[in-house]
PDB file of N, CA and C in Angstrom:
ATOM      1  N   MET A   1     -14.063  35.842  14.237  1.00  0.00           N
ATOM      2  CA  MET A   1     -14.631  34.612  13.738  1.00  0.00           C
ATOM      3  C   MET A   1     -16.111  34.530  14.101  1.00  0.00           C
ATOM      4  N   THR A   2     -16.482  34.845  15.312  1.00  0.00           N
ATOM      5  CA  THR A   2     -17.876  34.693  15.722  1.00  0.00           C
ATOM      6  C   THR A   2     -18.800  35.667  15.000  1.00  0.00           C
ATOM      7  N   ALA A   3     -18.308  36.857  14.669  1.00  0.00           N
ATOM      8  CA  ALA A   3     -19.140  37.818  13.945  1.00  0.00           C
ATOM      9  C   ALA A   3     -19.453  37.311  12.538  1.00  0.00           C
ATOM     10  N   SER A   4     -18.478  36.753  11.847  1.00  0.00           N
ATOM     11  CA  SER A   4     -18.696  36.208  10.508  1.00  0.00           C
ATOM     12  C   SER A   4     -19.665  35.038  10.556  1.00  0.00           C
ATOM     13  N   PHE A   5     -19.483  34.152  11.521  1.00  0.00           N
ATOM     14  CA  PHE A   5     -20.357  32.995  11.664  1.00  0.00           C
ATOM     15  C   PHE A   5     -21.788  33.434  11.956  1.00  0.00           C
ATOM     16  N   THR A   6     -21.951  34.347  12.891  1.00  0.00           N
ATOM     17  CA  THR A   6     -23.276  34.817  13.274  1.00  0.00           C
ATOM     18  C   THR A   6     -23.979  35.498  12.108  1.00  0.00           C
ATOM     19  N   GLU A   7     -23.276  36.347  11.393  1.00  0.00           N
ATOM     20  CA  GLU A   7     -23.851  37.041  10.232  1.00  0.00           C
ATOM     21  C   GLU A   7     -24.282  36.042   9.160  1.00  0.00           C
ATOM     22  N   GLN A   8     -23.442  35.071   8.868  1.00  0.00           N
ATOM     23  CA  GLN A   8     -23.772  34.052   7.871  1.00  0.00           C
ATOM     24  C   GLN A   8     -24.970  33.229   8.334  1.00  0.00           C
ATOM     25  N   TRP A   9     -25.027  32.893   9.596  1.00  0.00           N
ATOM     26  CA  TRP A   9     -26.109  32.077  10.141  1.00  0.00           C
ATOM     27  C   TRP A   9     -27.450  32.815  10.044  1.00  0.00           C
ATOM     28  N   ILE A  10     -27.440  34.109  10.360  1.00  0.00           N
ATOM     29  CA  ILE A  10     -28.671  34.890  10.377  1.00  0.00           C
ATOM     30  C   ILE A  10     -29.180  35.180   8.968  1.00  0.00           C
ATOM     31  N   THR A  11     -28.289  35.488   8.042  1.00  0.00           N
ATOM     32  CA  THR A  11     -28.714  35.947   6.716  1.00  0.00           C
ATOM     33  C   THR A  11     -28.984  34.835   5.720  1.00  0.00           C
ATOM     34  N   SER A  12     -28.633  33.605   6.023  1.00  0.00           N
ATOM     35  CA  SER A  12     -28.781  32.525   5.059  1.00  0.00           C
ATOM     36  C   SER A  12     -29.757  31.471   5.549  1.00  0.00           C
ATOM     37  N   LYS A  13     -30.561  30.936   4.621  1.00  0.00           N
ATOM     38  CA  LYS A  13     -31.447  29.824   4.964  1.00  0.00           C
ATOM     39  C   LYS A  13     -30.660  28.525   5.044  1.00  0.00           C
ATOM     40  N   ASP A  14     -29.644  28.405   4.191  1.00  0.00           N
ATOM     41  CA  ASP A  14     -28.789  27.214   4.189  1.00  0.00           C
ATOM     42  C   ASP A  14     -27.581  27.502   5.065  1.00  0.00           C
ATOM     43  N   HIS A  15     -27.431  26.764   6.116  1.00  0.00           N
ATOM     44  CA  HIS A  15     -26.353  27.002   7.072  1.00  0.00           C
ATOM     45  C   HIS A  15     -25.071  26.238   6.736  1.00  0.00           C
ATOM     46  N   THR A  16     -25.030  25.577   5.587  1.00  0.00           N
ATOM     47  CA  THR A  16     -23.855  24.800   5.205  1.00  0.00           C
ATOM     48  C   THR A  16     -22.585  25.645   5.156  1.00  0.00           C
ATOM     49  N   PRO A  17     -22.573  26.808   4.497  1.00  0.00           N
ATOM     50  CA  PRO A  17     -21.329  27.593   4.464  1.00  0.00           C
ATOM     51  C   PRO A  17     -20.851  28.004   5.857  1.00  0.00           C
ATOM     52  N   ALA A  18     -21.759  28.377   6.722  1.00  0.00           N
ATOM     53  CA  ALA A  18     -21.372  28.776   8.077  1.00  0.00           C
ATOM     54  C   ALA A  18     -20.783  27.597   8.841  1.00  0.00           C
ATOM     55  N   LEU A  19     -21.408  26.438   8.705  1.00  0.00           N
ATOM     56  CA  LEU A  19     -20.906  25.249   9.408  1.00  0.00           C
ATOM     57  C   LEU A  19     -19.571  24.776   8.843  1.00  0.00           C
ATOM     58  N   VAL A  20     -19.416  24.854   7.521  1.00  0.00           N
ATOM     59  CA  VAL A  20     -18.132  24.503   6.905  1.00  0.00           C
ATOM     60  C   VAL A  20     -17.036  25.408   7.438  1.00  0.00           C
ATOM     61  N   GLY A  21     -17.309  26.697   7.492  1.00  0.00           N
ATOM     62  CA  GLY A  21     -16.317  27.646   8.003  1.00  0.00           C
ATOM     63  C   GLY A  21     -15.969  27.393   9.454  1.00  0.00           C
ATOM     64  N   LEU A  22     -16.964  27.154  10.269  1.00  0.00           N
ATOM     65  CA  LEU A  22     -16.735  26.920  11.693  1.00  0.00           C
ATOM     66  C   LEU A  22     -15.959  25.630  11.939  1.00  0.00           C
ATOM     67  N   LEU A  23     -16.413  24.546  11.344  1.00  0.00           N
ATOM     68  CA  LEU A  23     -15.751  23.258  11.574  1.00  0.00           C
ATOM     69  C   LEU A  23     -14.335  23.233  10.999  1.00  0.00           C
ATOM     70  N   THR A  24     -14.167  23.790   9.815  1.00  0.00           N
ATOM     71  CA  THR A  24     -12.839  23.825   9.202  1.00  0.00           C
ATOM     72  C   THR A  24     -11.875  24.658  10.038  1.00  0.00           C
ATOM     73  N   THR A  25     -12.348  25.775  10.528  1.00  0.00           N
ATOM     74  CA  THR A  25     -11.508  26.628  11.360  1.00  0.00           C
ATOM     75  C   THR A  25     -11.091  25.914  12.643  1.00  0.00           C
ATOM     76  N   LEU A  26     -12.023  25.228  13.272  1.00  0.00           N
ATOM     77  CA  LEU A  26     -11.697  24.500  14.505  1.00  0.00           C
ATOM     78  C   LEU A  26     -10.698  23.366  14.259  1.00  0.00           C
ATOM     79  N   VAL A  27     -10.891  22.623  13.165  1.00  0.00           N
ATOM     80  CA  VAL A  27      -9.965  21.534  12.845  1.00  0.00           C
ATOM     81  C   VAL A  27      -8.571  22.087  12.562  1.00  0.00           C
ATOM     82  N   CYS A  28      -8.491  23.146  11.770  1.00  0.00           N
ATOM     83  CA  CYS A  28      -7.185  23.741  11.460  1.00  0.00           C
ATOM     84  C   CYS A  28      -6.537  24.343  12.702  1.00  0.00           C
ATOM     85  N   LEU A  29      -7.323  24.883  13.595  1.00  0.00           N
ATOM     86  CA  LEU A  29      -6.792  25.414  14.847  1.00  0.00           C
ATOM     87  C   LEU A  29      -6.152  24.296  15.666  1.00  0.00           C
ATOM     88  N   LEU A  30      -6.805  23.158  15.727  1.00  0.00           N
ATOM     89  CA  LEU A  30      -6.252  22.016  16.459  1.00  0.00           C
ATOM     90  C   LEU A  30      -5.010  21.442  15.782  1.00  0.00           C
ATOM     91  N   LEU A  31      -5.031  21.390  14.452  1.00  0.00           N
ATOM     92  CA  LEU A  31      -3.904  20.805  13.717  1.00  0.00           C
ATOM     93  C   LEU A  31      -2.674  21.708  13.659  1.00  0.00           C
ATOM     94  N   PHE A  32      -2.888  22.999  13.429  1.00  0.00           N
ATOM     95  CA  PHE A  32      -1.781  23.914  13.163  1.00  0.00           C
ATOM     96  C   PHE A  32      -1.455  24.855  14.321  1.00  0.00           C
ATOM     97  N   GLY A  33      -2.340  24.950  15.293  1.00  0.00           N
ATOM     98  CA  GLY A  33      -2.099  25.838  16.421  1.00  0.00           C
ATOM     99  C   GLY A  33      -2.590  27.245  16.151  1.00  0.00           C
ATOM    100  N   PRO A  34      -2.667  28.052  17.204  1.00  0.00           N
ATOM    101  CA  PRO A  34      -3.251  29.389  17.086  1.00  0.00           C
ATOM    102  C   PRO A  34      -2.432  30.379  16.249  1.00  0.00           C
ATOM    103  N   ASP A  35      -1.166  30.101  16.044  1.00  0.00           N
ATOM    104  CA  ASP A  35      -0.335  31.032  15.273  1.00  0.00           C
ATOM    105  C   ASP A  35      -0.342  30.753  13.768  1.00  0.00           C
ATOM    106  N   ARG A  36      -0.793  29.556  13.368  1.00  0.00           N
ATOM    107  CA  ARG A  36      -0.665  29.177  11.958  1.00  0.00           C
ATOM    108  C   ARG A  36      -1.917  28.555  11.353  1.00  0.00           C
ATOM    109  N   PHE A  37      -3.066  28.715  11.933  1.00  0.00           N
ATOM    110  CA  PHE A  37      -4.260  28.037  11.433  1.00  0.00           C
ATOM    111  C   PHE A  37      -5.015  28.806  10.357  1.00  0.00           C
ATOM    112  N   LEU A  38      -4.857  30.110  10.283  1.00  0.00           N
ATOM    113  CA  LEU A  38      -5.739  30.933   9.466  1.00  0.00           C
ATOM    114  C   LEU A  38      -5.613  30.663   7.962  1.00  0.00           C
ATOM    115  N   ILE A  39      -4.429  30.651   7.421  1.00  0.00           N
ATOM    116  CA  ILE A  39      -4.263  30.437   5.977  1.00  0.00           C
ATOM    117  C   ILE A  39      -4.712  29.041   5.562  1.00  0.00           C
ATOM    118  N   PRO A  40      -4.305  27.974   6.277  1.00  0.00           N
ATOM    119  CA  PRO A  40      -4.827  26.651   5.897  1.00  0.00           C
ATOM    120  C   PRO A  40      -6.357  26.579   5.997  1.00  0.00           C
ATOM    121  N   ALA A  41      -6.929  27.194   7.008  1.00  0.00           N
ATOM    122  CA  ALA A  41      -8.382  27.174   7.163  1.00  0.00           C
ATOM    123  C   ALA A  41      -9.052  27.868   5.979  1.00  0.00           C
ATOM    124  N   MET A  42      -8.551  29.007   5.581  1.00  0.00           N
ATOM    125  CA  MET A  42      -9.146  29.739   4.458  1.00  0.00           C
ATOM    126  C   MET A  42      -9.028  28.946   3.158  1.00  0.00           C
ATOM    127  N   LEU A  43      -7.886  28.291   2.954  1.00  0.00           N
ATOM    128  CA  LEU A  43      -7.711  27.478   1.745  1.00  0.00           C
ATOM    129  C   LEU A  43      -8.674  26.299   1.718  1.00  0.00           C
ATOM    130  N   VAL A  44      -8.818  25.622   2.848  1.00  0.00           N
ATOM    131  CA  VAL A  44      -9.710  24.466   2.911  1.00  0.00           C
ATOM    132  C   VAL A  44     -11.173  24.901   2.780  1.00  0.00           C
ATOM    133  N   ILE A  45     -11.547  25.995   3.411  1.00  0.00           N
ATOM    134  CA  ILE A  45     -12.907  26.513   3.277  1.00  0.00           C
ATOM    135  C   ILE A  45     -13.207  26.841   1.819  1.00  0.00           C
ATOM    136  N   THR A  46     -12.286  27.499   1.150  1.00  0.00           N
ATOM    137  CA  THR A  46     -12.469  27.841  -0.262  1.00  0.00           C
ATOM    138  C   THR A  46     -12.618  26.587  -1.107  1.00  0.00           C
ATOM    139  N   LEU A  47     -11.802  25.583  -0.858  1.00  0.00           N
ATOM    140  CA  LEU A  47     -11.870  24.334  -1.604  1.00  0.00           C
ATOM    141  C   LEU A  47     -13.213  23.637  -1.388  1.00  0.00           C
ATOM    142  N   ILE A  48     -13.635  23.498  -0.146  1.00  0.00           N
ATOM    143  CA  ILE A  48     -14.898  22.813   0.155  1.00  0.00           C
ATOM    144  C   ILE A  48     -16.085  23.563  -0.442  1.00  0.00           C
ATOM    145  N   LEU A  49     -16.127  24.872  -0.286  1.00  0.00           N
ATOM    146  CA  LEU A  49     -17.248  25.628  -0.829  1.00  0.00           C
ATOM    147  C   LEU A  49     -17.264  25.628  -2.355  1.00  0.00           C
ATOM    148  N   THR A  50     -16.093  25.564  -2.968  1.00  0.00           N
ATOM    149  CA  THR A  50     -16.029  25.456  -4.427  1.00  0.00           C
ATOM    150  C   THR A  50     -16.586  24.112  -4.879  1.00  0.00           C
ATOM    151  N   LEU A  51     -16.236  23.057  -4.161  1.00  0.00           N
ATOM    152  CA  LEU A  51     -16.748  21.729  -4.507  1.00  0.00           C
ATOM    153  C   LEU A  51     -18.258  21.621  -4.277  1.00  0.00           C
ATOM    154  N   LEU A  52     -18.778  22.345  -3.311  1.00  0.00           N
ATOM    155  CA  LEU A  52     -20.207  22.316  -3.000  1.00  0.00           C
ATOM    156  C   LEU A  52     -21.007  23.391  -3.721  1.00  0.00           C
ATOM    157  N   ARG A  53     -20.369  24.161  -4.579  1.00  0.00           N
ATOM    158  CA  ARG A  53     -21.008  25.328  -5.196  1.00  0.00           C
ATOM    159  C   ARG A  53     -22.316  24.995  -5.905  1.00  0.00           C
ATOM    160  N   GLY A  54     -22.351  23.930  -6.684  1.00  0.00           N
ATOM    161  CA  GLY A  54     -23.567  23.568  -7.399  1.00  0.00           C
ATOM    162  C   GLY A  54     -24.707  23.237  -6.458  1.00  0.00           C
ATOM    163  N   ARG A  55     -24.420  22.514  -5.397  1.00  0.00           N
ATOM    164  CA  ARG A  55     -25.458  22.149  -4.430  1.00  0.00           C
ATOM    165  C   ARG A  55     -25.960  23.371  -3.672  1.00  0.00           C
ATOM    166  N   LEU A  56     -25.036  24.282  -3.353  1.00  0.00           N
ATOM    167  CA  LEU A  56     -25.416  25.458  -2.586  1.00  0.00           C
ATOM    168  C   LEU A  56     -26.224  26.458  -3.401  1.00  0.00           C
ATOM    169  N   THR A  57     -25.987  26.518  -4.704  1.00  0.00           N
ATOM    170  CA  THR A  57     -26.722  27.463  -5.546  1.00  0.00           C
ATOM    171  C   THR A  57     -27.972  26.844  -6.140  1.00  0.00           C
ATOM    172  N   GLY A  58     -28.167  25.543  -5.937  1.00  0.00           N
ATOM    173  CA  GLY A  58     -29.359  24.882  -6.417  1.00  0.00           C
ATOM    174  C   GLY A  58     -29.284  24.473  -7.871  1.00  0.00           C
ATOM    175  N   GLU A  59     -28.107  24.530  -8.478  1.00  0.00           N
ATOM    176  CA  GLU A  59     -27.952  24.143  -9.869  1.00  0.00           C
ATOM    177  C   GLU A  59     -27.927  22.625  -9.986  1.00  0.00           C
ATOM    178  N   LYS A  60     -28.487  22.143 -11.105  1.00  0.00           N
ATOM    179  CA  LYS A  60     -28.386  20.734 -11.385  1.00  0.00           C
ATOM    180  C   LYS A  60     -27.081  20.487 -12.132  1.00  0.00           C
ATOM    181  N   GLU A  61     -26.503  19.316 -11.911  1.00  0.00           N
ATOM    182  CA  GLU A  61     -25.234  18.981 -12.550  1.00  0.00           C
ATOM    183  C   GLU A  61     -25.412  18.979 -14.063  1.00  0.00           C
ATOM    184  N   GLY A  62     -24.507  19.638 -14.754  1.00  0.00           N
ATOM    185  CA  GLY A  62     -24.530  19.686 -16.206  1.00  0.00           C
ATOM    186  C   GLY A  62     -25.328  20.836 -16.789  1.00  0.00           C
ATOM    187  N   SER A  63     -26.027  21.607 -15.980  1.00  0.00           N
ATOM    188  CA  SER A  63     -26.800  22.742 -16.514  1.00  0.00           C
ATOM    189  C   SER A  63     -26.016  24.032 -16.338  1.00  0.00           C
ATOM    190  N   ARG A  64     -26.204  24.942 -17.272  1.00  0.00           N
ATOM    191  CA  ARG A  64     -25.536  26.242 -17.199  1.00  0.00           C
ATOM    192  C   ARG A  64     -26.476  27.325 -17.556  1.00  0.00           C
TER     193      ARG A  64
END
């Protein structure tokens, strides 16, 4: 987990994806425990980043 976070933090100007991944992983770890947190965390991270995709890529709403 720390290697992915560190790599994302260093290579990106926008730290939103790294922070989403870190916070989501920690919340899922607390909710589901160490044996069952990974799949829910990945699903929630994917959902949040999909919803934020336009903001993260700099696209304006409605443009393609």
